[in-house]
Amino acid sequence: MASTKHNRVVSVKRFSSFEEENREEHRRLAALTSEQRLNEFAILQERLWGKKWTQDGIVKTVRIEKLEWL
């Protein structure tokens, strides 16, 4: 999957409290469609992992331990 630049709309808002900011963020998230949520998630993952997320892929190793009770 190739990396693409995403169009961003930036707006700045001032809030009088953290609670007010949290309420606004919850309203913003509730208004997003499923596709918009996935797109936002992909942008955040690409910022965190860079090429490892978009081009290289991530290899996960799972280790399972089973306890037997006597």
N, C-alpha and C. Protein backbone atom coordinates (compact mmCIF):
# COMPACT_ATOMS: atom_id res chain seq x y z
N MET A 1 0.85 -1.16 0.00
CA MET A 1 0.00 0.00 0.00
C MET A 1 0.89 1.23 0.00
N ALA A 2 0.72 2.10 -0.92
CA ALA A 2 1.56 3.28 -1.04
C ALA A 2 1.06 4.39 -0.13
N SER A 3 2.00 5.17 0.35
CA SER A 3 1.66 6.29 1.21
C SER A 3 1.11 7.44 0.38
N THR A 4 0.07 8.07 0.87
CA THR A 4 -0.50 9.22 0.17
C THR A 4 -0.60 10.37 1.16
N LYS A 5 -0.53 11.58 0.62
CA LYS A 5 -0.73 12.76 1.45
C LYS A 5 -2.22 12.98 1.61
N HIS A 6 -2.62 13.35 2.80
CA HIS A 6 -4.02 13.55 3.09
C HIS A 6 -4.32 15.04 3.15
N ASN A 7 -5.45 15.44 2.59
CA ASN A 7 -5.87 16.83 2.71
C ASN A 7 -6.34 17.06 4.13
N ARG A 8 -5.86 18.13 4.72
CA ARG A 8 -6.22 18.42 6.10
C ARG A 8 -6.96 19.74 6.17
N VAL A 9 -7.96 19.76 7.01
CA VAL A 9 -8.66 21.00 7.32
C VAL A 9 -8.31 21.31 8.76
N VAL A 10 -7.65 22.43 8.97
CA VAL A 10 -7.19 22.79 10.31
C VAL A 10 -8.03 23.95 10.83
N SER A 11 -8.54 23.78 12.03
CA SER A 11 -9.24 24.88 12.68
C SER A 11 -8.75 24.95 14.12
N VAL A 12 -8.71 26.14 14.65
CA VAL A 12 -8.25 26.36 16.01
C VAL A 12 -9.41 26.88 16.83
N LYS A 13 -9.64 26.23 17.97
CA LYS A 13 -10.71 26.65 18.86
C LYS A 13 -10.13 26.81 20.26
N ARG A 14 -10.66 27.74 21.00
CA ARG A 14 -10.24 27.95 22.39
C ARG A 14 -11.36 27.50 23.31
N PHE A 15 -10.99 26.77 24.35
CA PHE A 15 -11.97 26.27 25.30
C PHE A 15 -11.62 26.79 26.69
N SER A 16 -12.64 26.98 27.49
CA SER A 16 -12.42 27.51 28.83
C SER A 16 -12.05 26.42 29.84
N SER A 17 -12.24 25.15 29.45
CA SER A 17 -11.89 24.06 30.36
C SER A 17 -11.62 22.79 29.57
N PHE A 18 -10.97 21.84 30.23
CA PHE A 18 -10.74 20.54 29.60
C PHE A 18 -12.06 19.81 29.38
N GLU A 19 -12.99 19.98 30.29
CA GLU A 19 -14.30 19.33 30.16
C GLU A 19 -15.03 19.82 28.91
N GLU A 20 -14.96 21.13 28.67
CA GLU A 20 -15.60 21.69 27.48
C GLU A 20 -14.94 21.14 26.21
N GLU A 21 -13.62 21.04 26.21
CA GLU A 21 -12.91 20.49 25.05
C GLU A 21 -13.28 19.03 24.85
N ASN A 22 -13.38 18.26 25.92
CA ASN A 22 -13.76 16.85 25.82
C ASN A 22 -15.15 16.69 25.23
N ARG A 23 -16.10 17.52 25.68
CA ARG A 23 -17.47 17.45 25.13
C ARG A 23 -17.47 17.75 23.64
N GLU A 24 -16.71 18.75 23.22
CA GLU A 24 -16.64 19.09 21.80
C GLU A 24 -16.01 17.96 20.99
N GLU A 25 -14.97 17.34 21.53
CA GLU A 25 -14.32 16.22 20.83
C GLU A 25 -15.28 15.04 20.70
N HIS A 26 -16.05 14.76 21.73
CA HIS A 26 -17.04 13.67 21.65
C HIS A 26 -18.11 13.98 20.61
N ARG A 27 -18.54 15.23 20.52
CA ARG A 27 -19.51 15.61 19.49
C ARG A 27 -18.92 15.46 18.09
N ARG A 28 -17.65 15.86 17.95
CA ARG A 28 -16.98 15.74 16.64
C ARG A 28 -16.87 14.28 16.22
N LEU A 29 -16.45 13.43 17.15
CA LEU A 29 -16.31 12.00 16.84
C LEU A 29 -17.66 11.36 16.52
N ALA A 30 -18.71 11.76 17.23
CA ALA A 30 -20.03 11.19 17.00
C ALA A 30 -20.56 11.57 15.61
N ALA A 31 -20.12 12.70 15.09
CA ALA A 31 -20.60 13.16 13.78
C ALA A 31 -19.87 12.51 12.61
N LEU A 32 -18.75 11.81 12.88
CA LEU A 32 -17.96 11.20 11.81
C LEU A 32 -18.66 9.95 11.26
N THR A 33 -18.51 9.73 9.96
CA THR A 33 -18.99 8.48 9.37
C THR A 33 -17.94 7.40 9.63
N SER A 34 -18.29 6.16 9.37
CA SER A 34 -17.34 5.05 9.56
C SER A 34 -16.10 5.25 8.69
N GLU A 35 -16.31 5.71 7.47
CA GLU A 35 -15.18 5.92 6.56
C GLU A 35 -14.27 7.03 7.08
N GLN A 36 -14.83 8.10 7.62
CA GLN A 36 -14.03 9.18 8.17
C GLN A 36 -13.25 8.71 9.39
N ARG A 37 -13.86 7.88 10.22
CA ARG A 37 -13.16 7.35 11.40
C ARG A 37 -11.99 6.46 10.97
N LEU A 38 -12.20 5.61 9.98
CA LEU A 38 -11.12 4.75 9.50
C LEU A 38 -9.99 5.57 8.89
N ASN A 39 -10.36 6.62 8.16
CA ASN A 39 -9.35 7.49 7.55
C ASN A 39 -8.53 8.19 8.63
N GLU A 40 -9.19 8.68 9.67
CA GLU A 40 -8.49 9.33 10.77
C GLU A 40 -7.56 8.35 11.47
N PHE A 41 -8.03 7.12 11.68
CA PHE A 41 -7.21 6.09 12.30
C PHE A 41 -5.98 5.79 11.44
N ALA A 42 -6.17 5.69 10.13
CA ALA A 42 -5.05 5.40 9.22
C ALA A 42 -4.01 6.51 9.25
N ILE A 43 -4.46 7.75 9.33
CA ILE A 43 -3.53 8.88 9.39
C ILE A 43 -2.71 8.82 10.67
N LEU A 44 -3.36 8.53 11.79
CA LEU A 44 -2.64 8.45 13.06
C LEU A 44 -1.65 7.29 13.06
N GLN A 45 -2.05 6.15 12.51
CA GLN A 45 -1.14 5.00 12.45
C GLN A 45 0.05 5.29 11.56
N GLU A 46 -0.17 5.98 10.44
CA GLU A 46 0.93 6.31 9.55
C GLU A 46 1.90 7.27 10.23
N ARG A 47 1.38 8.21 11.00
CA ARG A 47 2.25 9.13 11.75
C ARG A 47 3.10 8.37 12.76
N LEU A 48 2.49 7.39 13.41
CA LEU A 48 3.20 6.63 14.44
C LEU A 48 4.22 5.67 13.83
N TRP A 49 3.84 4.91 12.83
CA TRP A 49 4.67 3.83 12.29
C TRP A 49 5.39 4.18 11.00
N GLY A 50 4.97 5.22 10.28
CA GLY A 50 5.62 5.61 9.03
C GLY A 50 5.53 4.51 7.99
N LYS A 51 6.65 4.22 7.32
CA LYS A 51 6.66 3.21 6.26
C LYS A 51 6.32 1.81 6.79
N LYS A 52 6.62 1.57 8.04
CA LYS A 52 6.30 0.24 8.59
C LYS A 52 4.80 -0.02 8.54
N TRP A 53 3.99 1.04 8.61
CA TRP A 53 2.54 0.88 8.57
C TRP A 53 2.02 0.79 7.14
N THR A 54 2.53 1.62 6.23
CA THR A 54 1.95 1.71 4.89
C THR A 54 2.63 0.81 3.86
N GLN A 55 3.93 0.54 4.02
CA GLN A 55 4.63 -0.20 2.97
C GLN A 55 5.23 -1.51 3.45
N ASP A 56 5.87 -1.51 4.59
CA ASP A 56 6.59 -2.69 5.05
C ASP A 56 5.69 -3.74 5.69
N GLY A 57 4.62 -3.29 6.27
CA GLY A 57 3.77 -4.24 6.99
C GLY A 57 4.32 -4.49 8.38
N ILE A 58 3.51 -5.00 9.24
CA ILE A 58 3.90 -5.26 10.61
C ILE A 58 3.77 -6.75 10.87
N VAL A 59 4.82 -7.36 11.39
CA VAL A 59 4.79 -8.77 11.72
C VAL A 59 4.54 -8.88 13.22
N LYS A 60 3.51 -9.61 13.57
CA LYS A 60 3.18 -9.78 14.98
C LYS A 60 3.55 -11.20 15.40
N THR A 61 4.17 -11.30 16.55
CA THR A 61 4.52 -12.59 17.11
C THR A 61 3.65 -12.83 18.33
N VAL A 62 3.03 -13.98 18.35
CA VAL A 62 2.14 -14.31 19.46
C VAL A 62 2.73 -15.48 20.23
N ARG A 63 2.73 -15.35 21.52
CA ARG A 63 3.20 -16.43 22.38
C ARG A 63 2.06 -16.80 23.32
N ILE A 64 1.69 -18.03 23.31
CA ILE A 64 0.59 -18.51 24.14
C ILE A 64 1.16 -19.47 25.18
N GLU A 65 0.81 -19.20 26.42
CA GLU A 65 1.21 -20.10 27.50
C GLU A 65 -0.04 -20.71 28.09
N LYS A 66 0.02 -22.01 28.31
CA LYS A 66 -1.12 -22.71 28.87
C LYS A 66 -0.72 -23.30 30.21
N LEU A 67 -1.48 -22.95 31.21
CA LEU A 67 -1.20 -23.49 32.53
C LEU A 67 -2.09 -24.71 32.78
N GLU A 68 -1.50 -25.73 33.29
CA GLU A 68 -2.28 -26.91 33.64
C GLU A 68 -2.35 -27.01 35.15
N TRP A 69 -3.55 -27.12 35.64
CA TRP A 69 -3.75 -27.22 37.09
C TRP A 69 -3.74 -28.70 37.47
N LEU A 70 -2.99 -28.99 38.48
CA LEU A 70 -2.90 -30.38 38.95
C LEU A 70 -3.89 -30.68 40.02
